Amino acid sequence: MAKGLIWATTEDLARNRAMVLSLYRQILRSLNSPELPLTHAARLTKKAEVRSIFLFGAEERSLHNIADLIDAANYSLSILKQGRLP
């Protein structure tokens, strides 16, 4: 993943971009699942939380923190696909 040692280079960020966008879209789609016990207002709130997390994550430049955020997104997606809230 890393060309830079500690801080992400533009190449590192470009390499992760497609995966991060895919995770973002999958999480938003998973929040629409009828298996989740959420009202319409709660779904909109959760989607707003996801958007803000990804917005703040987009400003991250540490390679370790970026990897941790991607791992957390993958874990959250797996929990959502099981019909539970992370």
Protein backbone atom coordinates (compact mmCIF):
# COMPACT_ATOMS: atom_id res chain seq x y z
CA MET A 1 0.00 0.00 0.00
CA ALA A 2 2.65 2.45 0.98
CA LYS A 3 5.13 4.27 -1.12
CA GLY A 4 5.54 6.86 1.62
CA LEU A 5 6.79 5.61 4.99
CA ILE A 6 4.48 7.42 7.39
CA TRP A 7 2.51 9.97 5.37
CA ALA A 8 0.47 9.09 2.34
CA THR A 9 1.70 10.22 -1.04
CA THR A 10 -0.68 11.18 -3.83
CA GLU A 11 -0.05 7.75 -5.37
CA ASP A 12 -1.15 6.06 -2.12
CA LEU A 13 -4.30 8.17 -2.01
CA ALA A 14 -5.12 7.48 -5.66
CA ARG A 15 -4.63 3.74 -5.12
CA ASN A 16 -7.15 3.69 -2.26
CA ARG A 17 -9.73 5.96 -3.90
CA ALA A 18 -11.71 3.29 -5.76
CA MET A 19 -11.87 1.00 -2.74
CA VAL A 20 -12.98 3.82 -0.42
CA LEU A 21 -15.70 4.95 -2.84
CA SER A 22 -16.91 1.37 -3.16
CA LEU A 23 -17.06 0.95 0.63
CA TYR A 24 -18.90 4.24 0.98
CA ARG A 25 -21.54 3.24 -1.58
CA GLN A 26 -21.95 -0.25 -0.13
CA ILE A 27 -22.44 1.08 3.39
CA LEU A 28 -25.05 3.60 2.20
CA ARG A 29 -26.87 0.85 0.29
CA SER A 30 -26.73 -1.49 3.28
CA LEU A 31 -28.40 1.12 5.45
CA ASN A 32 -31.45 0.86 3.16
CA SER A 33 -31.85 -2.83 3.96
CA PRO A 34 -35.30 -3.76 5.30
CA GLU A 35 -33.55 -6.18 7.70
CA LEU A 36 -32.32 -3.24 9.79
CA PRO A 37 -34.72 -2.12 12.52
CA LEU A 38 -34.63 1.56 11.60
CA THR A 39 -37.27 4.17 10.93
CA HIS A 40 -36.93 6.47 7.94
CA ALA A 41 -35.58 9.29 10.11
CA ALA A 42 -33.06 6.94 11.75
CA ARG A 43 -31.86 5.76 8.32
CA LEU A 44 -31.31 9.35 7.22
CA THR A 45 -29.44 10.07 10.44
CA LYS A 46 -27.18 7.04 9.98
CA LYS A 47 -26.48 8.04 6.37
CA ALA A 48 -25.53 11.54 7.52
CA GLU A 49 -23.16 9.99 10.09
CA VAL A 50 -21.54 7.86 7.37
CA ARG A 51 -21.10 10.90 5.12
CA SER A 52 -19.46 12.91 7.90
CA ILE A 53 -17.13 10.04 8.84
CA PHE A 54 -16.00 9.64 5.24
CA LEU A 55 -15.62 13.41 4.86
CA PHE A 56 -13.33 13.62 7.88
CA GLY A 57 -11.53 10.46 6.80
CA ALA A 58 -10.80 12.06 3.42
CA GLU A 59 -8.58 14.59 5.19
CA GLU A 60 -6.45 11.88 6.83
CA ARG A 61 -2.85 11.62 5.59
CA SER A 62 -1.33 9.00 7.93
CA LEU A 63 -0.93 5.60 6.25
CA HIS A 64 -1.70 3.72 9.47
CA ASN A 65 -4.83 5.73 10.15
CA ILE A 66 -6.04 5.27 6.57
CA ALA A 67 -5.57 1.50 6.87
CA ASP A 68 -7.45 1.50 10.18
CA LEU A 69 -10.33 3.49 8.68
CA ILE A 70 -10.59 1.06 5.76
CA ASP A 71 -10.57 -1.91 8.16
CA ALA A 72 -13.28 -0.27 10.28
CA ALA A 73 -15.40 0.37 7.17
CA ASN A 74 -15.04 -3.27 6.07
CA TYR A 75 -16.01 -4.47 9.53
CA SER A 76 -19.02 -2.13 9.67
CA LEU A 77 -20.13 -3.34 6.25
CA SER A 78 -19.93 -6.97 7.32
CA ILE A 79 -22.05 -6.21 10.41
CA LEU A 80 -24.60 -4.33 8.29
CA LYS A 81 -24.86 -7.25 5.86
CA GLN A 82 -25.77 -9.47 8.82
CA GLY A 83 -28.72 -7.20 9.55
CA ARG A 84 -27.21 -5.60 12.66
CA LEU A 85 -26.09 -2.07 13.39
CA PRO A 86 -22.38 -1.49 14.05
